[in-house]
Amino acid sequence: MESPFVGSAVEMMILEVIARGPSYGYEITQTVAERSGGYFDLKEGSLYPALHRLERRKLLRAFWREADGRRRKYYELTDAGRAELAARKTSWLDFAAGVNGVLGIGRAHLAGS
């Protein structure tokens, strides 16, 4: 069985980062890397196609802002993006609980890690 989560994990992480406030490409990659303890290193070839897909689906809205003398394209969540993120998080948690159950990893085990 192939999980639909593998392909959409990058999008879900991007939505989560942007849910905390408008952000631009480099800042998104740095936040993902920092919050994942360096496990995820988003490259332009993954980040920008995902941002464009999310924007086409009206889950993100893009706008330009001048910062530090540079013009940057920022992204923010739309109401549809917030709803999509909530749905994806619920699905992800259900999926992870199923996998953890098969692996014998329960909440007590995770808390003790």
PDB file of N, CA and C in Angstrom:
ATOM      1  N   MET A   1       0.845  -1.189   0.000  1.00  0.00           N
ATOM      2  CA  MET A   1       0.000   0.000   0.000  1.00  0.00           C
ATOM      3  C   MET A   1       0.882   1.242   0.000  1.00  0.00           C
ATOM      4  N   GLU A   2       0.610   2.134  -0.918  1.00  0.00           N
ATOM      5  CA  GLU A   2       1.365   3.379  -0.961  1.00  0.00           C
ATOM      6  C   GLU A   2       0.593   4.450  -0.212  1.00  0.00           C
ATOM      7  N   SER A   3       1.282   5.165   0.649  1.00  0.00           N
ATOM      8  CA  SER A   3       0.631   6.192   1.444  1.00  0.00           C
ATOM      9  C   SER A   3       0.554   7.503   0.669  1.00  0.00           C
ATOM     10  N   PRO A   4      -0.587   8.165   0.740  1.00  0.00           N
ATOM     11  CA  PRO A   4      -0.684   9.476   0.107  1.00  0.00           C
ATOM     12  C   PRO A   4       0.091  10.540   0.883  1.00  0.00           C
ATOM     13  N   PHE A   5       0.576  10.184   2.060  1.00  0.00           N
ATOM     14  CA  PHE A   5       1.240  11.166   2.903  1.00  0.00           C
ATOM     15  C   PHE A   5       2.665  11.476   2.476  1.00  0.00           C
ATOM     16  N   VAL A   6       3.326  10.530   1.849  1.00  0.00           N
ATOM     17  CA  VAL A   6       4.716  10.749   1.474  1.00  0.00           C
ATOM     18  C   VAL A   6       4.815  11.939   0.534  1.00  0.00           C
ATOM     19  N   GLY A   7       3.985  11.958  -0.497  1.00  0.00           N
ATOM     20  CA  GLY A   7       4.038  13.048  -1.473  1.00  0.00           C
ATOM     21  C   GLY A   7       3.541  14.366  -0.944  1.00  0.00           C
ATOM     22  N   SER A   8       2.656  14.336   0.030  1.00  0.00           N
ATOM     23  CA  SER A   8       2.086  15.595   0.520  1.00  0.00           C
ATOM     24  C   SER A   8       2.742  16.095   1.804  1.00  0.00           C
ATOM     25  N   ALA A   9       3.729  15.375   2.321  1.00  0.00           N
ATOM     26  CA  ALA A   9       4.370  15.801   3.575  1.00  0.00           C
ATOM     27  C   ALA A   9       5.042  17.159   3.423  1.00  0.00           C
ATOM     28  N   VAL A  10       5.686  17.387   2.290  1.00  0.00           N
ATOM     29  CA  VAL A  10       6.349  18.686   2.059  1.00  0.00           C
ATOM     30  C   VAL A  10       5.306  19.801   2.075  1.00  0.00           C
ATOM     31  N   GLU A  11       4.198  19.581   1.385  1.00  0.00           N
ATOM     32  CA  GLU A  11       3.148  20.604   1.365  1.00  0.00           C
ATOM     33  C   GLU A  11       2.605  20.863   2.766  1.00  0.00           C
ATOM     34  N   MET A  12       2.403  19.793   3.541  1.00  0.00           N
ATOM     35  CA  MET A  12       1.876  19.954   4.895  1.00  0.00           C
ATOM     36  C   MET A  12       2.851  20.756   5.758  1.00  0.00           C
ATOM     37  N   MET A  13       4.150  20.472   5.635  1.00  0.00           N
ATOM     38  CA  MET A  13       5.138  21.224   6.416  1.00  0.00           C
ATOM     39  C   MET A  13       5.155  22.692   6.007  1.00  0.00           C
ATOM     40  N   ILE A  14       5.049  22.955   4.711  1.00  0.00           N
ATOM     41  CA  ILE A  14       5.012  24.334   4.233  1.00  0.00           C
ATOM     42  C   ILE A  14       3.786  25.053   4.779  1.00  0.00           C
ATOM     43  N   LEU A  15       2.629  24.418   4.705  1.00  0.00           N
ATOM     44  CA  LEU A  15       1.414  25.031   5.243  1.00  0.00           C
ATOM     45  C   LEU A  15       1.567  25.332   6.732  1.00  0.00           C
ATOM     46  N   GLU A  16       2.162  24.413   7.472  1.00  0.00           N
ATOM     47  CA  GLU A  16       2.344  24.619   8.921  1.00  0.00           C
ATOM     48  C   GLU A  16       3.257  25.810   9.210  1.00  0.00           C
ATOM     49  N   VAL A  17       4.342  25.912   8.476  1.00  0.00           N
ATOM     50  CA  VAL A  17       5.265  27.042   8.688  1.00  0.00           C
ATOM     51  C   VAL A  17       4.554  28.355   8.393  1.00  0.00           C
ATOM     52  N   ILE A  18       3.838  28.403   7.284  1.00  0.00           N
ATOM     53  CA  ILE A  18       3.176  29.644   6.878  1.00  0.00           C
ATOM     54  C   ILE A  18       1.980  29.956   7.774  1.00  0.00           C
ATOM     55  N   ALA A  19       1.411  28.943   8.421  1.00  0.00           N
ATOM     56  CA  ALA A  19       0.291  29.174   9.339  1.00  0.00           C
ATOM     57  C   ALA A  19       0.697  30.079  10.496  1.00  0.00           C
ATOM     58  N   ARG A  20       1.973  30.121  10.789  1.00  0.00           N
ATOM     59  CA  ARG A  20       2.461  30.947  11.905  1.00  0.00           C
ATOM     60  C   ARG A  20       2.700  32.391  11.491  1.00  0.00           C
ATOM     61  N   GLY A  21       2.518  32.678  10.212  1.00  0.00           N
ATOM     62  CA  GLY A  21       2.658  34.042   9.701  1.00  0.00           C
ATOM     63  C   GLY A  21       3.272  34.026   8.313  1.00  0.00           C
ATOM     64  N   PRO A  22       3.057  35.106   7.551  1.00  0.00           N
ATOM     65  CA  PRO A  22       3.601  35.167   6.197  1.00  0.00           C
ATOM     66  C   PRO A  22       5.098  34.888   6.180  1.00  0.00           C
ATOM     67  N   SER A  23       5.537  34.189   5.140  1.00  0.00           N
ATOM     68  CA  SER A  23       6.938  33.794   5.044  1.00  0.00           C
ATOM     69  C   SER A  23       7.344  33.729   3.580  1.00  0.00           C
ATOM     70  N   TYR A  24       8.645  33.768   3.327  1.00  0.00           N
ATOM     71  CA  TYR A  24       9.169  33.675   1.966  1.00  0.00           C
ATOM     72  C   TYR A  24      10.028  32.419   1.857  1.00  0.00           C
ATOM     73  N   GLY A  25      10.397  32.067   0.640  1.00  0.00           N
ATOM     74  CA  GLY A  25      11.040  30.793   0.349  1.00  0.00           C
ATOM     75  C   GLY A  25      12.188  30.402   1.265  1.00  0.00           C
ATOM     76  N   TYR A  26      13.219  31.224   1.321  1.00  0.00           N
ATOM     77  CA  TYR A  26      14.397  30.879   2.125  1.00  0.00           C
ATOM     78  C   TYR A  26      14.024  30.718   3.592  1.00  0.00           C
ATOM     79  N   GLU A  27      13.181  31.598   4.077  1.00  0.00           N
ATOM     80  CA  GLU A  27      12.752  31.536   5.477  1.00  0.00           C
ATOM     81  C   GLU A  27      11.986  30.230   5.751  1.00  0.00           C
ATOM     82  N   ILE A  28      11.177  29.800   4.799  1.00  0.00           N
ATOM     83  CA  ILE A  28      10.437  28.545   4.948  1.00  0.00           C
ATOM     84  C   ILE A  28      11.413  27.380   5.059  1.00  0.00           C
ATOM     85  N   THR A  29      12.413  27.339   4.163  1.00  0.00           N
ATOM     86  CA  THR A  29      13.384  26.231   4.198  1.00  0.00           C
ATOM     87  C   THR A  29      14.145  26.217   5.513  1.00  0.00           C
ATOM     88  N   GLN A  30      14.518  27.384   6.012  1.00  0.00           N
ATOM     89  CA  GLN A  30      15.266  27.452   7.266  1.00  0.00           C
ATOM     90  C   GLN A  30      14.413  27.019   8.453  1.00  0.00           C
ATOM     91  N   THR A  31      13.149  27.407   8.451  1.00  0.00           N
ATOM     92  CA  THR A  31      12.251  27.029   9.545  1.00  0.00           C
ATOM     93  C   THR A  31      12.024  25.520   9.552  1.00  0.00           C
ATOM     94  N   VAL A  32      11.809  24.944   8.369  1.00  0.00           N
ATOM     95  CA  VAL A  32      11.613  23.494   8.285  1.00  0.00           C
ATOM     96  C   VAL A  32      12.864  22.772   8.776  1.00  0.00           C
ATOM     97  N   ALA A  33      14.023  23.217   8.335  1.00  0.00           N
ATOM     98  CA  ALA A  33      15.279  22.581   8.767  1.00  0.00           C
ATOM     99  C   ALA A  33      15.450  22.692  10.284  1.00  0.00           C
ATOM    100  N   GLU A  34      15.205  23.866  10.821  1.00  0.00           N
ATOM    101  CA  GLU A  34      15.375  24.095  12.263  1.00  0.00           C
ATOM    102  C   GLU A  34      14.390  23.262  13.077  1.00  0.00           C
ATOM    103  N   ARG A  35      13.132  23.280  12.688  1.00  0.00           N
ATOM    104  CA  ARG A  35      12.109  22.579  13.455  1.00  0.00           C
ATOM    105  C   ARG A  35      12.215  21.063  13.328  1.00  0.00           C
ATOM    106  N   SER A  36      12.873  20.596  12.261  1.00  0.00           N
ATOM    107  CA  SER A  36      13.056  19.147  12.085  1.00  0.00           C
ATOM    108  C   SER A  36      14.410  18.684  12.605  1.00  0.00           C
ATOM    109  N   GLY A  37      15.130  19.559  13.273  1.00  0.00           N
ATOM    110  CA  GLY A  37      16.452  19.197  13.773  1.00  0.00           C
ATOM    111  C   GLY A  37      17.429  18.880  12.644  1.00  0.00           C
ATOM    112  N   GLY A  38      17.204  19.508  11.484  1.00  0.00           N
ATOM    113  CA  GLY A  38      18.070  19.301  10.342  1.00  0.00           C
ATOM    114  C   GLY A  38      17.713  18.090   9.498  1.00  0.00           C
ATOM    115  N   TYR A  39      16.673  17.370   9.874  1.00  0.00           N
ATOM    116  CA  TYR A  39      16.293  16.164   9.136  1.00  0.00           C
ATOM    117  C   TYR A  39      15.809  16.501   7.731  1.00  0.00           C
ATOM    118  N   PHE A  40      15.024  17.579   7.616  1.00  0.00           N
ATOM    119  CA  PHE A  40      14.512  17.995   6.312  1.00  0.00           C
ATOM    120  C   PHE A  40      15.286  19.208   5.814  1.00  0.00           C
ATOM    121  N   ASP A  41      15.791  19.093   4.602  1.00  0.00           N
ATOM    122  CA  ASP A  41      16.526  20.172   3.940  1.00  0.00           C
ATOM    123  C   ASP A  41      15.836  20.417   2.608  1.00  0.00           C
ATOM    124  N   LEU A  42      14.809  21.270   2.621  1.00  0.00           N
ATOM    125  CA  LEU A  42      14.054  21.524   1.399  1.00  0.00           C
ATOM    126  C   LEU A  42      14.919  22.257   0.382  1.00  0.00           C
ATOM    127  N   LYS A  43      14.929  21.745  -0.806  1.00  0.00           N
ATOM    128  CA  LYS A  43      15.661  22.368  -1.905  1.00  0.00           C
ATOM    129  C   LYS A  43      14.666  23.134  -2.774  1.00  0.00           C
ATOM    130  N   GLU A  44      15.182  24.066  -3.565  1.00  0.00           N
ATOM    131  CA  GLU A  44      14.325  24.854  -4.447  1.00  0.00           C
ATOM    132  C   GLU A  44      13.469  23.975  -5.348  1.00  0.00           C
ATOM    133  N   GLY A  45      14.023  22.847  -5.799  1.00  0.00           N
ATOM    134  CA  GLY A  45      13.309  21.953  -6.698  1.00  0.00           C
ATOM    135  C   GLY A  45      12.098  21.288  -6.061  1.00  0.00           C
ATOM    136  N   SER A  46      12.036  21.266  -4.736  1.00  0.00           N
ATOM    137  CA  SER A  46      10.870  20.746  -4.018  1.00  0.00           C
ATOM    138  C   SER A  46       9.988  21.874  -3.511  1.00  0.00           C
ATOM    139  N   LEU A  47      10.622  22.920  -3.002  1.00  0.00           N
ATOM    140  CA  LEU A  47       9.889  24.005  -2.360  1.00  0.00           C
ATOM    141  C   LEU A  47       9.009  24.781  -3.331  1.00  0.00           C
ATOM    142  N   TYR A  48       9.601  25.308  -4.379  1.00  0.00           N
ATOM    143  CA  TYR A  48       8.840  26.215  -5.241  1.00  0.00           C
ATOM    144  C   TYR A  48       7.729  25.527  -6.025  1.00  0.00           C
ATOM    145  N   PRO A  49       7.922  24.328  -6.552  1.00  0.00           N
ATOM    146  CA  PRO A  49       6.773  23.659  -7.171  1.00  0.00           C
ATOM    147  C   PRO A  49       5.637  23.429  -6.169  1.00  0.00           C
ATOM    148  N   ALA A  50       5.971  23.091  -4.926  1.00  0.00           N
ATOM    149  CA  ALA A  50       4.943  22.890  -3.896  1.00  0.00           C
ATOM    150  C   ALA A  50       4.228  24.209  -3.597  1.00  0.00           C
ATOM    151  N   LEU A  51       4.982  25.288  -3.451  1.00  0.00           N
ATOM    152  CA  LEU A  51       4.358  26.596  -3.211  1.00  0.00           C
ATOM    153  C   LEU A  51       3.417  26.969  -4.352  1.00  0.00           C
ATOM    154  N   HIS A  52       3.837  26.727  -5.584  1.00  0.00           N
ATOM    155  CA  HIS A  52       2.998  27.068  -6.736  1.00  0.00           C
ATOM    156  C   HIS A  52       1.746  26.197  -6.795  1.00  0.00           C
ATOM    157  N   ARG A  53       1.876  24.911  -6.459  1.00  0.00           N
ATOM    158  CA  ARG A  53       0.692  24.038  -6.409  1.00  0.00           C
ATOM    159  C   ARG A  53      -0.306  24.538  -5.361  1.00  0.00           C
ATOM    160  N   LEU A  54       0.213  24.869  -4.195  1.00  0.00           N
ATOM    161  CA  LEU A  54      -0.650  25.339  -3.111  1.00  0.00           C
ATOM    162  C   LEU A  54      -1.312  26.668  -3.477  1.00  0.00           C
ATOM    163  N   GLU A  55      -0.587  27.519  -4.167  1.00  0.00           N
ATOM    164  CA  GLU A  55      -1.144  28.802  -4.594  1.00  0.00           C
ATOM    165  C   GLU A  55      -2.234  28.585  -5.662  1.00  0.00           C
ATOM    166  N   ARG A  56      -1.980  27.692  -6.620  1.00  0.00           N
ATOM    167  CA  ARG A  56      -2.983  27.394  -7.657  1.00  0.00           C
ATOM    168  C   ARG A  56      -4.265  26.830  -7.046  1.00  0.00           C
ATOM    169  N   ARG A  57      -4.099  26.068  -5.965  1.00  0.00           N
ATOM    170  CA  ARG A  57      -5.271  25.484  -5.281  1.00  0.00           C
ATOM    171  C   ARG A  57      -5.938  26.471  -4.328  1.00  0.00           C
ATOM    172  N   LYS A  58      -5.440  27.693  -4.305  1.00  0.00           N
ATOM    173  CA  LYS A  58      -5.992  28.778  -3.467  1.00  0.00           C
ATOM    174  C   LYS A  58      -5.833  28.503  -1.976  1.00  0.00           C
ATOM    175  N   LEU A  59      -4.801  27.712  -1.618  1.00  0.00           N
ATOM    176  CA  LEU A  59      -4.513  27.453  -0.208  1.00  0.00           C
ATOM    177  C   LEU A  59      -3.529  28.487   0.331  1.00  0.00           C
ATOM    178  N   LEU A  60      -2.808  29.129  -0.585  1.00  0.00           N
ATOM    179  CA  LEU A  60      -1.877  30.203  -0.252  1.00  0.00           C
ATOM    180  C   LEU A  60      -2.186  31.408  -1.127  1.00  0.00           C
ATOM    181  N   ARG A  61      -1.796  32.562  -0.605  1.00  0.00           N
ATOM    182  CA  ARG A  61      -1.869  33.812  -1.357  1.00  0.00           C
ATOM    183  C   ARG A  61      -0.465  34.404  -1.322  1.00  0.00           C
ATOM    184  N   ALA A  62       0.011  34.862  -2.464  1.00  0.00           N
ATOM    185  CA  ALA A  62       1.352  35.440  -2.549  1.00  0.00           C
ATOM    186  C   ALA A  62       1.269  36.960  -2.659  1.00  0.00           C
ATOM    187  N   PHE A  63       2.269  37.618  -2.107  1.00  0.00           N
ATOM    188  CA  PHE A  63       2.362  39.075  -2.244  1.00  0.00           C
ATOM    189  C   PHE A  63       3.836  39.460  -2.134  1.00  0.00           C
ATOM    190  N   TRP A  64       4.155  40.620  -2.666  1.00  0.00           N
ATOM    191  CA  TRP A  64       5.540  41.102  -2.641  1.00  0.00           C
ATOM    192  C   TRP A  64       5.705  42.103  -1.511  1.00  0.00           C
ATOM    193  N   ARG A  65       6.883  42.044  -0.867  1.00  0.00           N
ATOM    194  CA  ARG A  65       7.194  42.955   0.238  1.00  0.00           C
ATOM    195  C   ARG A  65       8.680  43.312   0.156  1.00  0.00           C
ATOM    196  N   GLU A  66       8.968  44.555   0.438  1.00  0.00           N
ATOM    197  CA  GLU A  66      10.359  45.009   0.479  1.00  0.00           C
ATOM    198  C   GLU A  66      10.878  44.796   1.903  1.00  0.00           C
ATOM    199  N   ALA A  67      12.028  44.150   2.004  1.00  0.00           N
ATOM    200  CA  ALA A  67      12.642  43.909   3.316  1.00  0.00           C
ATOM    201  C   ALA A  67      14.155  43.964   3.155  1.00  0.00           C
ATOM    202  N   ASP A  68      14.801  44.725   3.988  1.00  0.00           N
ATOM    203  CA  ASP A  68      16.263  44.855   3.947  1.00  0.00           C
ATOM    204  C   ASP A  68      16.746  45.248   2.560  1.00  0.00           C
ATOM    205  N   GLY A  69      16.010  46.119   1.892  1.00  0.00           N
ATOM    206  CA  GLY A  69      16.394  46.586   0.577  1.00  0.00           C
ATOM    207  C   GLY A  69      16.183  45.573  -0.536  1.00  0.00           C
ATOM    208  N   ARG A  70      15.522  44.457  -0.230  1.00  0.00           N
ATOM    209  CA  ARG A  70      15.259  43.414  -1.223  1.00  0.00           C
ATOM    210  C   ARG A  70      13.759  43.210  -1.345  1.00  0.00           C
ATOM    211  N   ARG A  71      13.351  42.925  -2.546  1.00  0.00           N
ATOM    212  CA  ARG A  71      11.947  42.612  -2.792  1.00  0.00           C
ATOM    213  C   ARG A  71      11.791  41.095  -2.716  1.00  0.00           C
ATOM    214  N   ARG A  72      10.892  40.643  -1.832  1.00  0.00           N
ATOM    215  CA  ARG A  72      10.699  39.208  -1.622  1.00  0.00           C
ATOM    216  C   ARG A  72       9.237  38.843  -1.820  1.00  0.00           C
ATOM    217  N   LYS A  73       9.040  37.635  -2.336  1.00  0.00           N
ATOM    218  CA  LYS A  73       7.686  37.125  -2.497  1.00  0.00           C
ATOM    219  C   LYS A  73       7.316  36.353  -1.237  1.00  0.00           C
ATOM    220  N   TYR A  74       6.300  36.831  -0.553  1.00  0.00           N
ATOM    221  CA  TYR A  74       5.817  36.202   0.671  1.00  0.00           C
ATOM    222  C   TYR A  74       4.558  35.409   0.367  1.00  0.00           C
ATOM    223  N   TYR A  75       4.319  34.431   1.223  1.00  0.00           N
ATOM    224  CA  TYR A  75       3.132  33.597   1.108  1.00  0.00           C
ATOM    225  C   TYR A  75       2.405  33.611   2.437  1.00  0.00           C
ATOM    226  N   GLU A  76       1.079  33.626   2.369  1.00  0.00           N
ATOM    227  CA  GLU A  76       0.259  33.520   3.575  1.00  0.00           C
ATOM    228  C   GLU A  76      -0.877  32.555   3.302  1.00  0.00           C
ATOM    229  N   LEU A  77      -1.394  31.952   4.368  1.00  0.00           N
ATOM    230  CA  LEU A  77      -2.494  30.998   4.222  1.00  0.00           C
ATOM    231  C   LEU A  77      -3.801  31.727   3.955  1.00  0.00           C
ATOM    232  N   THR A  78      -4.621  31.109   3.138  1.00  0.00           N
ATOM    233  CA  THR A  78      -5.994  31.564   2.964  1.00  0.00           C
ATOM    234  C   THR A  78      -6.848  30.786   3.977  1.00  0.00           C
ATOM    235  N   ASP A  79      -8.110  31.136   4.062  1.00  0.00           N
ATOM    236  CA  ASP A  79      -9.005  30.375   4.938  1.00  0.00           C
ATOM    237  C   ASP A  79      -9.065  28.917   4.483  1.00  0.00           C
ATOM    238  N   ALA A  80      -9.073  28.708   3.172  1.00  0.00           N
ATOM    239  CA  ALA A  80      -9.068  27.339   2.643  1.00  0.00           C
ATOM    240  C   ALA A  80      -7.781  26.616   3.020  1.00  0.00           C
ATOM    241  N   GLY A  81      -6.683  27.344   3.060  1.00  0.00           N
ATOM    242  CA  GLY A  81      -5.402  26.761   3.456  1.00  0.00           C
ATOM    243  C   GLY A  81      -5.398  26.326   4.910  1.00  0.00           C
ATOM    244  N   ARG A  82      -6.011  27.128   5.762  1.00  0.00           N
ATOM    245  CA  ARG A  82      -6.106  26.759   7.187  1.00  0.00           C
ATOM    246  C   ARG A  82      -6.950  25.499   7.364  1.00  0.00           C
ATOM    247  N   ALA A  83      -8.051  25.430   6.645  1.00  0.00           N
ATOM    248  CA  ALA A  83      -8.916  24.245   6.728  1.00  0.00           C
ATOM    249  C   ALA A  83      -8.180  23.015   6.189  1.00  0.00           C
ATOM    250  N   GLU A  84      -7.471  23.181   5.090  1.00  0.00           N
ATOM    251  CA  GLU A  84      -6.717  22.068   4.503  1.00  0.00           C
ATOM    252  C   GLU A  84      -5.633  21.580   5.457  1.00  0.00           C
ATOM    253  N   LEU A  85      -4.925  22.507   6.093  1.00  0.00           N
ATOM    254  CA  LEU A  85      -3.881  22.121   7.042  1.00  0.00           C
ATOM    255  C   LEU A  85      -4.478  21.332   8.200  1.00  0.00           C
ATOM    256  N   ALA A  86      -5.592  21.784   8.737  1.00  0.00           N
ATOM    257  CA  ALA A  86      -6.241  21.066   9.843  1.00  0.00           C
ATOM    258  C   ALA A  86      -6.623  19.653   9.417  1.00  0.00           C
ATOM    259  N   ALA A  87      -7.177  19.511   8.221  1.00  0.00           N
ATOM    260  CA  ALA A  87      -7.568  18.186   7.730  1.00  0.00           C
ATOM    261  C   ALA A  87      -6.356  17.290   7.522  1.00  0.00           C
ATOM    262  N   ARG A  88      -5.283  17.860   6.961  1.00  0.00           N
ATOM    263  CA  ARG A  88      -4.067  17.064   6.727  1.00  0.00           C
ATOM    264  C   ARG A  88      -3.417  16.639   8.041  1.00  0.00           C
ATOM    265  N   LYS A  89      -3.432  17.508   9.030  1.00  0.00           N
ATOM    266  CA  LYS A  89      -2.846  17.154  10.328  1.00  0.00           C
ATOM    267  C   LYS A  89      -3.618  15.988  10.956  1.00  0.00           C
ATOM    268  N   THR A  90      -4.944  16.052  10.891  1.00  0.00           N
ATOM    269  CA  THR A  90      -5.763  14.973  11.436  1.00  0.00           C
ATOM    270  C   THR A  90      -5.461  13.664  10.722  1.00  0.00           C
ATOM    271  N   SER A  91      -5.419  13.701   9.396  1.00  0.00           N
ATOM    272  CA  SER A  91      -5.111  12.494   8.620  1.00  0.00           C
ATOM    273  C   SER A  91      -3.722  11.969   8.943  1.00  0.00           C
ATOM    274  N   TRP A  92      -2.758  12.886   9.071  1.00  0.00           N
ATOM    275  CA  TRP A  92      -1.382  12.482   9.375  1.00  0.00           C
ATOM    276  C   TRP A  92      -1.310  11.808  10.741  1.00  0.00           C
ATOM    277  N   LEU A  93      -1.969  12.381  11.732  1.00  0.00           N
ATOM    278  CA  LEU A  93      -1.944  11.805  13.077  1.00  0.00           C
ATOM    279  C   LEU A  93      -2.603  10.432  13.110  1.00  0.00           C
ATOM    280  N   ASP A  94      -3.697  10.265  12.369  1.00  0.00           N
ATOM    281  CA  ASP A  94      -4.345   8.955  12.277  1.00  0.00           C
ATOM    282  C   ASP A  94      -3.408   7.944  11.611  1.00  0.00           C
ATOM    283  N   PHE A  95      -2.757   8.353  10.531  1.00  0.00           N
ATOM    284  CA  PHE A  95      -1.809   7.500   9.821  1.00  0.00           C
ATOM    285  C   PHE A  95      -0.652   7.103  10.742  1.00  0.00           C
ATOM    286  N   ALA A  96      -0.065   8.084  11.429  1.00  0.00           N
ATOM    287  CA  ALA A  96       1.064   7.823  12.323  1.00  0.00           C
ATOM    288  C   ALA A  96       0.643   6.892  13.462  1.00  0.00           C
ATOM    289  N   ALA A  97      -0.566   7.071  13.985  1.00  0.00           N
ATOM    290  CA  ALA A  97      -1.047   6.200  15.058  1.00  0.00           C
ATOM    291  C   ALA A  97      -1.170   4.765  14.555  1.00  0.00           C
ATOM    292  N   GLY A  98      -1.641   4.592  13.328  1.00  0.00           N
ATOM    293  CA  GLY A  98      -1.738   3.253  12.753  1.00  0.00           C
ATOM    294  C   GLY A  98      -0.374   2.603  12.592  1.00  0.00           C
ATOM    295  N   VAL A  99       0.574   3.349  12.054  1.00  0.00           N
ATOM    296  CA  VAL A  99       1.938   2.822  11.890  1.00  0.00           C
ATOM    297  C   VAL A  99       2.548   2.515  13.249  1.00  0.00           C
ATOM    298  N   ASN A 100       2.394   3.444  14.193  1.00  0.00           N
ATOM    299  CA  ASN A 100       2.954   3.230  15.526  1.00  0.00           C
ATOM    300  C   ASN A 100       2.348   2.005  16.199  1.00  0.00           C
ATOM    301  N   GLY A 101       1.057   1.771  15.955  1.00  0.00           N
ATOM    302  CA  GLY A 101       0.416   0.587  16.520  1.00  0.00           C
ATOM    303  C   GLY A 101       1.047  -0.687  15.983  1.00  0.00           C
ATOM    304  N   VAL A 102       1.302  -0.719  14.687  1.00  0.00           N
ATOM    305  CA  VAL A 102       1.933  -1.888  14.080  1.00  0.00           C
ATOM    306  C   VAL A 102       3.349  -2.068  14.616  1.00  0.00           C
ATOM    307  N   LEU A 103       4.048  -0.973  14.819  1.00  0.00           N
ATOM    308  CA  LEU A 103       5.426  -1.032  15.314  1.00  0.00           C
ATOM    309  C   LEU A 103       5.516  -1.266  16.818  1.00  0.00           C
ATOM    310  N   GLY A 104       4.373  -1.203  17.492  1.00  0.00           N
ATOM    311  CA  GLY A 104       4.376  -1.398  18.943  1.00  0.00           C
ATOM    312  C   GLY A 104       4.864  -0.173  19.694  1.00  0.00           C
ATOM    313  N   ILE A 105       4.713   0.978  19.067  1.00  0.00           N
ATOM    314  CA  ILE A 105       5.142   2.238  19.691  1.00  0.00           C
ATOM    315  C   ILE A 105       3.888   2.959  20.162  1.00  0.00           C
ATOM    316  N   GLY A 106       3.710   2.989  21.471  1.00  0.00           N
ATOM    317  CA  GLY A 106       2.543   3.661  22.030  1.00  0.00           C
ATOM    318  C   GLY A 106       2.928   5.017  22.594  1.00  0.00           C
ATOM    319  N   ARG A 107       1.949   5.715  23.083  1.00  0.00           N
ATOM    320  CA  ARG A 107       2.188   7.037  23.655  1.00  0.00           C
ATOM    321  C   ARG A 107       3.165   6.970  24.831  1.00  0.00           C
ATOM    322  N   ALA A 108       3.049   5.953  25.676  1.00  0.00           N
ATOM    323  CA  ALA A 108       3.945   5.835  26.838  1.00  0.00           C
ATOM    324  C   ALA A 108       5.384   5.647  26.366  1.00  0.00           C
ATOM    325  N   HIS A 109       5.562   4.840  25.325  1.00  0.00           N
ATOM    326  CA  HIS A 109       6.909   4.600  24.789  1.00  0.00           C
ATOM    327  C   HIS A 109       7.480   5.884  24.241  1.00  0.00           C
ATOM    328  N   LEU A 110       6.673   6.673  23.508  1.00  0.00           N
ATOM    329  CA  LEU A 110       7.156   7.914  22.934  1.00  0.00           C
ATOM    330  C   LEU A 110       7.499   8.929  24.018  1.00  0.00           C
ATOM    331  N   ALA A 111       6.704   8.962  25.087  1.00  0.00           N
ATOM    332  CA  ALA A 111       6.963   9.910  26.172  1.00  0.00           C
ATOM    333  C   ALA A 111       8.267   9.565  26.883  1.00  0.00           C
ATOM    334  N   GLY A 112       8.615   8.298  26.933  1.00  0.00           N
ATOM    335  CA  GLY A 112       9.827   7.874  27.614  1.00  0.00           C
ATOM    336  C   GLY A 112      11.075   7.965  26.754  1.00  0.00           C
ATOM    337  N   SER A 113      10.902   8.294  25.474  1.00  0.00           N
ATOM    338  CA  SER A 113      12.054   8.359  24.559  1.00  0.00           C
ATOM    339  C   SER A 113      12.923   9.548  24.824  1.00  0.00           C
TER     340      SER A 113
END
